[in-house]
């Protein structure tokens, strides 16, 4: 899910977030772990919030499921019924709100929540109904500011499960979000639980309750000590609390545990700039710049800016670079198709559009943003070679 649009959190990860990109960030930090410092940060020996179960559902919810699901229904019918209960106007009609992050029970009782809230409720309901259901993260397309500095990379969360060996499904609360193709991965319930407390920590920071935020972030790290996003966020909290040593250490841990964590590197660059270590700040900034150049979505974003400015040559060049770096993104082909069309090259535009269509038709895991909250995936349509069939000609660009 997207990062919360709040000026307090320009470089925080919010919600189901686990950074990844096309390649690692080329940066030698010389950082070494220190068990004594980590013991000061993760200073608990048990789950502080063991009494909170994000997947608990009440007898009322179970009775509703029992009433609406026919025992003869197959798994797909059960998932469809649960989706009707969650989003149908005659039932819950669940509405999206970025905060707060709710448990399954709270989501049901309030009729609202964010993506993690909704997936807590869906997964709990699906499992009660006997359907395979797991948490799944997918990378959201990154965003840059007008200076081309990386703002944030984030992950969206949805749910997935298997109907049979070849058939599976994905349910999504906000399927209109533009995601990065072929970046989904299942995560454990423990990981999702840690993400829940990570979310609560960010929400406490928004309310300027730094002590409560520390409590939530530390619990997330106790559950998942290698969770890069929680290290980044607790670093931001330490920075706000004035503890420069633990802020720097936490940012380094965020990068050490995930070497594609550009947000942590950006935070470190800012930290070194503010503390007078200008050479080091520049080294980290340049590392992000190199990372951007290898990121297809960076070039796509630049192309969109050029397109908006009616600079077709620059737009074409940027879209072409994006496509060179990643050939499994239909929107890259469609963007080039639009450029061809404005240049009067109808044949080139049609070829690009056909490439996008072939890509989607040839792989059931490739899709475009839509209003479709349930997708059925037939693995027999997942090709080993993800290249579309149409040859691309850039001569007219």
Protein backbone atom coordinates (compact mmCIF):
# COMPACT_ATOMS: atom_id res chain seq x y z
CA UNK A 1 0.00 0.00 0.00
CA UNK A 2 1.19 3.56 -0.64
CA UNK A 3 3.12 5.52 1.93
CA UNK A 4 0.91 7.84 3.91
CA UNK A 5 0.96 11.33 2.42
CA UNK A 6 2.03 13.21 5.52
CA UNK A 7 4.83 15.79 5.67
CA UNK A 8 6.12 14.12 8.82
CA UNK A 9 6.96 10.95 6.93
CA UNK A 10 8.84 11.76 3.72
CA UNK A 11 11.20 8.82 4.18
CA UNK A 12 9.23 6.40 6.31
CA UNK A 13 7.84 3.07 5.22
CA UNK A 14 4.16 2.72 6.04
CA UNK A 15 1.94 -0.36 6.09
CA UNK A 16 2.89 -3.53 4.28
CA UNK A 17 6.22 -2.33 3.14
CA UNK A 18 9.31 -4.26 2.19
CA UNK A 19 11.64 -2.53 -0.16
CA UNK A 20 13.03 -4.17 -3.24
CA UNK A 21 14.04 -3.12 -6.70
CA UNK A 22 15.71 -4.35 -9.86
CA UNK A 23 19.20 -4.49 -8.34
CA UNK A 24 21.08 -3.80 -5.14
CA UNK A 25 22.53 -0.41 -4.26
CA UNK A 26 26.25 -0.22 -4.96
CA UNK A 27 27.54 1.20 -1.69
CA UNK A 28 30.29 0.06 0.67
CA UNK A 29 29.38 1.49 4.07
CA UNK A 30 31.99 -0.21 6.27
CA UNK A 31 29.21 -0.76 8.82
CA UNK A 32 29.68 -3.48 11.46
CA UNK A 33 26.97 -4.86 13.71
CA UNK A 34 27.24 -4.25 17.43
CA UNK A 35 25.34 -6.67 19.69
CA UNK A 36 25.45 -4.26 22.62
CA UNK A 37 23.80 -1.48 20.62
CA UNK A 38 21.20 -3.87 19.24
CA UNK A 39 20.39 -5.02 22.76
CA UNK A 40 19.65 -1.39 23.63
CA UNK A 41 17.23 -1.17 20.71
CA UNK A 42 15.52 -4.57 20.90
CA UNK A 43 15.38 -4.63 24.69
CA UNK A 44 12.54 -7.13 25.25
CA UNK A 45 12.44 -10.89 25.70
CA UNK A 46 8.81 -11.52 24.77
CA UNK A 47 6.09 -10.18 22.51
CA UNK A 48 4.87 -7.07 24.35
CA UNK A 49 1.47 -7.33 22.69
CA UNK A 50 0.86 -11.07 22.82
CA UNK A 51 -2.72 -10.33 23.83
CA UNK A 52 -3.41 -8.73 20.42
CA UNK A 53 -4.31 -11.15 17.63
CA UNK A 54 -4.76 -9.32 14.30
CA UNK A 55 -6.45 -12.44 12.84
CA UNK A 56 -9.00 -13.05 15.61
CA UNK A 57 -12.64 -13.10 14.45
CA UNK A 58 -15.72 -13.21 16.64
CA UNK A 59 -18.57 -15.69 16.81
CA UNK A 60 -20.69 -13.08 15.02
CA UNK A 61 -18.36 -13.17 12.00
CA UNK A 62 -18.24 -16.95 12.03
CA UNK A 63 -22.04 -17.13 12.16
CA UNK A 64 -22.27 -14.76 9.20
CA UNK A 65 -19.93 -16.96 7.20
CA UNK A 66 -21.83 -20.09 8.16
CA UNK A 67 -25.06 -18.48 7.00
CA UNK A 68 -23.73 -17.24 3.67
CA UNK A 69 -21.47 -20.12 2.56
CA UNK A 70 -23.10 -23.30 1.33
CA UNK A 71 -21.25 -26.42 2.55
CA UNK A 72 -21.29 -27.63 -1.06
CA UNK A 73 -19.50 -24.54 -2.34
CA UNK A 74 -16.04 -25.02 -3.78
CA UNK A 75 -13.16 -22.80 -2.70
CA UNK A 76 -13.63 -20.26 -5.48
CA UNK A 77 -17.30 -19.82 -4.58
CA UNK A 78 -16.31 -19.36 -0.93
CA UNK A 79 -13.79 -16.65 -1.82
CA UNK A 80 -16.38 -14.90 -3.97
CA UNK A 81 -18.89 -15.02 -1.10
CA UNK A 82 -16.37 -13.56 1.32
CA UNK A 83 -15.62 -10.78 -1.15
CA UNK A 84 -19.36 -10.05 -1.35
CA UNK A 85 -19.53 -9.88 2.44
CA UNK A 86 -16.56 -7.50 2.61
CA UNK A 87 -17.47 -5.15 -0.22
CA UNK A 88 -21.13 -5.70 -1.07
CA UNK A 89 -23.56 -2.88 -0.31
CA UNK A 90 -25.85 -5.37 1.47
CA UNK A 91 -23.09 -6.41 3.86
CA UNK A 92 -19.98 -4.68 5.20
CA UNK A 93 -19.30 -2.34 2.24
CA UNK A 94 -15.76 -1.91 3.52
CA UNK A 95 -14.31 1.57 2.96
CA UNK A 96 -10.63 2.50 2.60
CA UNK A 97 -8.99 4.69 5.25
CA UNK A 98 -5.19 4.97 5.45
CA UNK A 99 -5.16 5.04 9.25
CA UNK A 100 -5.47 3.52 11.69
CA UNK A 101 -4.39 -0.05 10.97
CA UNK A 102 -6.99 -2.41 12.39
CA UNK A 103 -7.17 -6.03 13.44
CA UNK A 104 -9.60 -8.28 11.61
CA UNK A 105 -12.24 -7.76 14.30
CA UNK A 106 -11.80 -3.98 14.38
CA UNK A 107 -12.06 -3.83 10.58
CA UNK A 108 -15.34 -5.74 10.69
CA UNK A 109 -16.76 -3.61 13.49
CA UNK A 110 -15.82 -0.26 11.95
CA UNK A 111 -16.39 -1.16 8.29
CA UNK A 112 -13.17 0.54 7.28
CA UNK A 113 -9.41 0.14 7.21
CA UNK A 114 -6.30 0.14 5.07
CA UNK A 115 -4.95 -2.71 2.96
CA UNK A 116 -3.38 -4.60 5.85
CA UNK A 117 -6.57 -4.19 7.89
CA UNK A 118 -8.67 -5.60 5.06
CA UNK A 119 -6.29 -8.49 4.47
CA UNK A 120 -6.32 -9.35 8.18
CA UNK A 121 -10.08 -9.74 7.94
CA UNK A 122 -10.13 -11.53 4.59
CA UNK A 123 -7.48 -14.07 5.57
CA UNK A 124 -9.11 -14.80 8.92
CA UNK A 125 -12.48 -15.31 7.23
CA UNK A 126 -11.08 -17.40 4.39
CA UNK A 127 -9.23 -19.72 6.75
CA UNK A 128 -12.33 -20.16 8.88
CA UNK A 129 -14.17 -21.12 5.67
CA UNK A 130 -11.49 -23.72 4.90
CA UNK A 131 -9.83 -21.81 2.06
CA UNK A 132 -6.06 -21.49 1.64
CA UNK A 133 -5.14 -17.83 2.26
CA UNK A 134 -1.75 -16.19 2.75
CA UNK A 135 -0.41 -12.66 3.00
CA UNK A 136 1.42 -11.40 -0.08
CA UNK A 137 3.46 -8.26 -0.66
CA UNK A 138 3.89 -6.57 -4.04
CA UNK A 139 6.16 -3.65 -4.80
CA UNK A 140 4.49 -0.33 -5.57
CA UNK A 141 6.02 1.77 -8.30
CA UNK A 142 8.48 4.21 -6.72
CA UNK A 143 8.04 7.95 -6.76
CA UNK A 144 10.53 10.76 -7.31
CA UNK A 145 10.35 14.49 -6.73
CA UNK A 146 11.02 17.20 -9.29
CA UNK A 147 14.76 17.03 -8.57
CA UNK A 148 14.76 13.30 -9.41
CA UNK A 149 15.65 12.43 -5.82
CA UNK A 150 14.17 9.15 -4.69
CA UNK A 151 11.26 9.81 -2.37
CA UNK A 152 10.10 6.37 -1.35
CA UNK A 153 9.75 2.79 -2.45
CA UNK A 154 7.00 0.82 -0.81
CA UNK A 155 5.09 -2.41 -0.92
CA UNK A 156 1.42 -3.07 -1.17
CA UNK A 157 -0.15 -6.03 0.60
CA UNK A 158 -2.89 -8.32 -0.63
CA UNK A 159 -3.78 -11.98 -0.15
CA UNK A 160 -3.34 -15.10 -2.22
CA UNK A 161 -4.16 -18.78 -2.04
CA UNK A 162 -4.41 -21.96 -4.08
CA UNK A 163 -7.57 -23.56 -5.40
CA UNK A 164 -5.67 -26.43 -7.01
CA UNK A 165 -2.24 -27.26 -8.40
CA UNK A 166 -2.67 -24.93 -11.37
CA UNK A 167 -5.30 -22.46 -10.14
CA UNK A 168 -4.83 -19.78 -7.52
CA UNK A 169 -6.29 -16.39 -6.68
CA UNK A 170 -5.32 -12.92 -5.53
CA UNK A 171 -7.66 -10.63 -3.61
CA UNK A 172 -6.86 -6.96 -3.36
CA UNK A 173 -8.53 -4.10 -1.46
CA UNK A 174 -7.08 -1.42 -3.76
CA UNK A 175 -6.39 -3.04 -7.15
CA UNK A 176 -6.18 0.38 -8.80
CA UNK A 177 -2.69 0.92 -7.36
CA UNK A 178 0.08 0.83 -9.96
CA UNK A 179 2.36 -2.03 -8.93
CA UNK A 180 5.63 -3.40 -10.27
CA UNK A 181 5.01 -6.49 -12.36
CA UNK A 182 6.20 -9.89 -11.12
CA UNK A 183 7.35 -8.67 -7.69
CA UNK A 184 4.84 -10.46 -5.46
CA UNK A 185 5.98 -12.74 -2.66
CA UNK A 186 4.13 -14.60 0.04
CA UNK A 187 5.02 -13.62 3.60
CA UNK A 188 4.38 -15.46 6.84
CA UNK A 189 1.79 -14.63 9.46
CA UNK A 190 4.65 -13.64 11.76
CA UNK A 191 5.94 -11.18 9.18
CA UNK A 192 2.45 -9.76 8.72
CA UNK A 193 2.12 -9.44 12.50
CA UNK A 194 5.40 -7.49 12.60
CA UNK A 195 4.12 -5.28 9.79
CA UNK A 196 1.00 -4.60 11.85
CA UNK A 197 3.11 -3.23 14.72
CA UNK A 198 5.30 -1.36 12.24
CA UNK A 199 2.14 0.38 11.02
CA UNK A 200 1.06 1.21 14.53
CA UNK A 201 4.50 2.67 15.18
CA UNK A 202 4.22 4.98 12.16
CA UNK A 203 0.75 6.04 13.28
CA UNK A 204 2.08 6.83 16.76
CA UNK A 205 4.80 8.96 15.14
CA UNK A 206 2.15 10.87 13.24
CA UNK A 207 0.54 11.65 16.59
CA UNK A 208 3.97 12.67 17.96
CA UNK A 209 3.82 9.89 20.55
CA UNK A 210 7.44 8.84 20.24
CA UNK A 211 7.43 6.55 23.29
CA UNK A 212 4.51 4.53 21.96
CA UNK A 213 6.10 4.46 18.52
CA UNK A 214 9.28 3.01 20.05
CA UNK A 215 7.23 0.33 21.77
CA UNK A 216 5.56 -0.73 18.53
CA UNK A 217 8.72 -0.62 16.39
CA UNK A 218 10.68 -2.59 18.98
CA UNK A 219 7.96 -5.22 19.06
CA UNK A 220 8.07 -5.48 15.27
CA UNK A 221 11.83 -5.99 15.42
CA UNK A 222 11.53 -8.51 18.24
CA UNK A 223 9.20 -10.54 16.00
CA UNK A 224 11.27 -10.04 12.83
CA UNK A 225 14.82 -8.87 13.72
CA UNK A 226 15.79 -8.67 10.04
CA UNK A 227 12.84 -6.46 9.04
CA UNK A 228 14.48 -3.65 7.13
CA UNK A 229 11.48 -1.36 7.15
CA UNK A 230 11.13 -1.47 10.92
CA UNK A 231 14.84 -0.65 11.31
CA UNK A 232 14.38 2.34 9.03
CA UNK A 233 11.34 3.56 10.92
CA UNK A 234 12.80 3.16 14.37
CA UNK A 235 15.82 5.07 13.07
CA UNK A 236 13.53 7.93 12.05
CA UNK A 237 11.97 7.82 15.50
CA UNK A 238 15.38 7.95 17.18
CA UNK A 239 16.28 10.89 14.94
CA UNK A 240 13.18 12.77 16.07
CA UNK A 241 13.93 11.87 19.68
CA UNK A 242 17.42 13.35 19.33
CA UNK A 243 19.39 10.09 19.65
CA UNK A 244 21.79 10.46 16.74
CA UNK A 245 23.82 7.34 17.55
CA UNK A 246 20.87 4.95 17.49
CA UNK A 247 19.33 6.72 14.50
CA UNK A 248 22.49 6.20 12.44
CA UNK A 249 22.85 2.60 13.62
CA UNK A 250 19.22 1.79 12.79
CA UNK A 251 19.48 3.26 9.29
CA UNK A 252 22.58 1.17 8.68
CA UNK A 253 20.74 -1.92 9.90
CA UNK A 254 17.92 -1.13 7.48
CA UNK A 255 20.39 -1.14 4.59
CA UNK A 256 22.36 -4.13 5.89
CA UNK A 257 19.24 -6.29 6.13
CA UNK A 258 18.06 -5.27 2.67
CA UNK A 259 20.64 -3.94 0.26
CA UNK A 260 18.01 -2.45 -2.03
CA UNK A 261 16.63 -0.19 0.71
CA UNK A 262 17.05 3.15 -1.00
CA UNK A 263 15.01 4.92 1.64
CA UNK A 264 17.51 3.95 4.34
CA UNK A 265 20.37 5.18 2.16
CA UNK A 266 18.52 8.45 1.55
CA UNK A 267 18.00 8.83 5.28
CA UNK A 268 21.71 8.22 5.89
CA UNK A 269 22.66 10.77 3.25
CA UNK A 270 20.42 13.33 4.89
CA UNK A 271 21.77 12.41 8.33
CA UNK A 272 25.40 12.88 7.24
CA UNK A 273 24.60 16.14 5.50
CA UNK A 274 22.92 17.50 8.63
CA UNK A 275 25.80 16.39 10.87
CA UNK A 276 28.47 17.99 8.67
CA UNK A 277 29.88 14.83 7.03
CA UNK A 278 29.45 16.30 3.55
CA UNK A 279 31.76 13.88 1.71
CA UNK A 280 29.93 10.88 3.12
CA UNK A 281 26.56 12.45 2.41
CA UNK A 282 27.60 12.96 -1.21
CA UNK A 283 28.82 9.37 -1.50
CA UNK A 284 25.44 8.09 -0.38
CA UNK A 285 23.58 10.53 -2.63
CA UNK A 286 25.59 9.36 -5.65
CA UNK A 287 24.78 5.74 -4.76
CA UNK A 288 21.08 6.60 -4.97
CA UNK A 289 21.69 8.35 -8.28
CA UNK A 290 23.31 5.20 -9.69
CA UNK A 291 20.43 3.15 -8.31
CA UNK A 292 17.95 5.40 -10.10
CA UNK A 293 19.71 4.91 -13.41
CA UNK A 294 19.26 1.14 -13.12
CA UNK A 295 15.61 1.43 -12.13
CA UNK A 296 13.15 1.13 -15.05
CA UNK A 297 10.45 3.00 -13.14
CA UNK A 298 12.77 5.97 -12.70
CA UNK A 299 13.04 6.30 -16.47
CA UNK A 300 9.31 5.72 -16.84
CA UNK A 301 8.62 8.53 -14.34
CA UNK A 302 10.96 10.84 -16.26
CA UNK A 303 9.14 9.92 -19.44
CA UNK A 304 5.81 10.79 -17.89
CA UNK A 305 7.14 14.22 -16.90
CA UNK A 306 8.43 14.80 -20.43
CA UNK A 307 5.12 13.59 -21.86
CA UNK A 308 3.28 16.12 -19.71
CA UNK A 309 5.58 18.82 -21.05
CA UNK A 310 4.93 17.62 -24.63
CA UNK A 311 8.63 16.82 -25.05
CA UNK A 312 8.11 13.73 -27.18
CA UNK A 313 11.79 12.94 -27.96
CA UNK A 314 12.70 12.92 -24.27
CA UNK A 315 9.57 10.97 -23.39
CA UNK A 316 10.36 8.37 -26.04
CA UNK A 317 13.97 8.04 -24.90
CA UNK A 318 12.93 7.59 -21.26
CA UNK A 319 10.19 5.08 -22.05
CA UNK A 320 12.62 3.17 -24.24
CA UNK A 321 15.18 3.02 -21.41
CA UNK A 322 12.49 1.75 -19.08
CA UNK A 323 11.57 -0.97 -21.52
CA UNK A 324 15.21 -1.94 -22.04
CA UNK A 325 15.49 -2.50 -18.28
CA UNK A 326 12.19 -4.34 -17.84
CA UNK A 327 10.26 -5.98 -20.64
CA UNK A 328 7.43 -7.34 -18.48
CA UNK A 329 5.63 -4.04 -17.82
CA UNK A 330 2.65 -3.43 -20.15
CA UNK A 331 2.51 0.28 -19.32
CA UNK A 332 5.95 0.81 -20.84
CA UNK A 333 4.71 -0.48 -24.20
CA UNK A 334 1.51 1.53 -23.95
CA UNK A 335 3.46 4.70 -23.17
CA UNK A 336 5.58 4.20 -26.28
CA UNK A 337 2.41 3.46 -28.25
CA UNK A 338 1.04 6.86 -27.23
CA UNK A 339 4.25 8.54 -28.44
CA UNK A 340 4.07 6.70 -31.77
CA UNK A 341 0.46 7.79 -32.17
CA UNK A 342 1.23 11.47 -31.59
CA UNK A 343 4.05 11.19 -34.11
CA UNK A 344 1.55 9.87 -36.64
CA UNK A 345 3.04 6.37 -36.69
CA UNK A 346 -0.14 4.31 -36.50
CA UNK A 347 1.66 1.07 -37.35
CA UNK A 348 4.22 1.59 -34.58
CA UNK A 349 1.50 2.47 -32.08
CA UNK A 350 -0.47 -0.66 -33.00
CA UNK A 351 2.65 -2.83 -32.62
CA UNK A 352 3.29 -1.47 -29.13
CA UNK A 353 -0.32 -1.94 -28.08
CA UNK A 354 -0.22 -5.50 -29.40
CA UNK A 355 2.97 -6.17 -27.43
CA UNK A 356 1.23 -5.04 -24.24
CA UNK A 357 -1.81 -7.17 -25.02
CA UNK A 358 0.37 -10.21 -25.81
CA UNK A 359 2.26 -9.76 -22.56
CA UNK A 360 -0.92 -9.70 -20.48
CA UNK A 361 -2.50 -12.58 -22.42
CA UNK A 362 0.64 -14.69 -22.13
CA UNK A 363 1.12 -14.48 -18.38
CA UNK A 364 -1.72 -14.57 -15.87
CA UNK A 365 0.46 -12.91 -13.22
CA UNK A 366 0.87 -9.76 -15.30
CA UNK A 367 -1.98 -7.29 -15.01
CA UNK A 368 -2.79 -3.60 -15.11
CA UNK A 369 -4.44 -1.46 -12.43
CA UNK A 370 -8.19 -1.99 -12.41
CA UNK A 371 -11.24 -2.17 -10.18
CA UNK A 372 -11.00 -5.97 -10.02
CA UNK A 373 -10.70 -7.02 -6.37
CA UNK A 374 -10.48 -10.75 -7.20
CA UNK A 375 -8.22 -12.26 -9.86
CA UNK A 376 -8.11 -15.95 -10.71
CA UNK A 377 -4.70 -17.14 -11.90
CA UNK A 378 -4.25 -20.16 -14.14
CA UNK A 379 -0.59 -21.17 -13.92
CA UNK A 380 -0.77 -22.89 -17.30
CA UNK A 381 -0.79 -19.35 -18.72
CA UNK A 382 2.44 -18.36 -16.95
CA UNK A 383 5.18 -18.48 -19.52
CA UNK A 384 8.82 -19.22 -18.76
CA UNK A 385 9.90 -16.55 -21.24
CA UNK A 386 8.13 -13.31 -20.37
CA UNK A 387 8.99 -11.48 -23.56
CA UNK A 388 6.04 -10.43 -25.73
CA UNK A 389 5.99 -11.74 -29.23
CA UNK A 390 6.03 -8.52 -31.20
CA UNK A 391 9.37 -7.15 -32.35
CA UNK A 392 9.80 -3.52 -31.35
CA UNK A 393 11.10 -1.00 -33.82
CA UNK A 394 12.33 2.31 -32.44
CA UNK A 395 13.36 3.82 -35.77
CA UNK A 396 10.58 6.41 -35.74
CA UNK A 397 11.37 7.59 -32.21
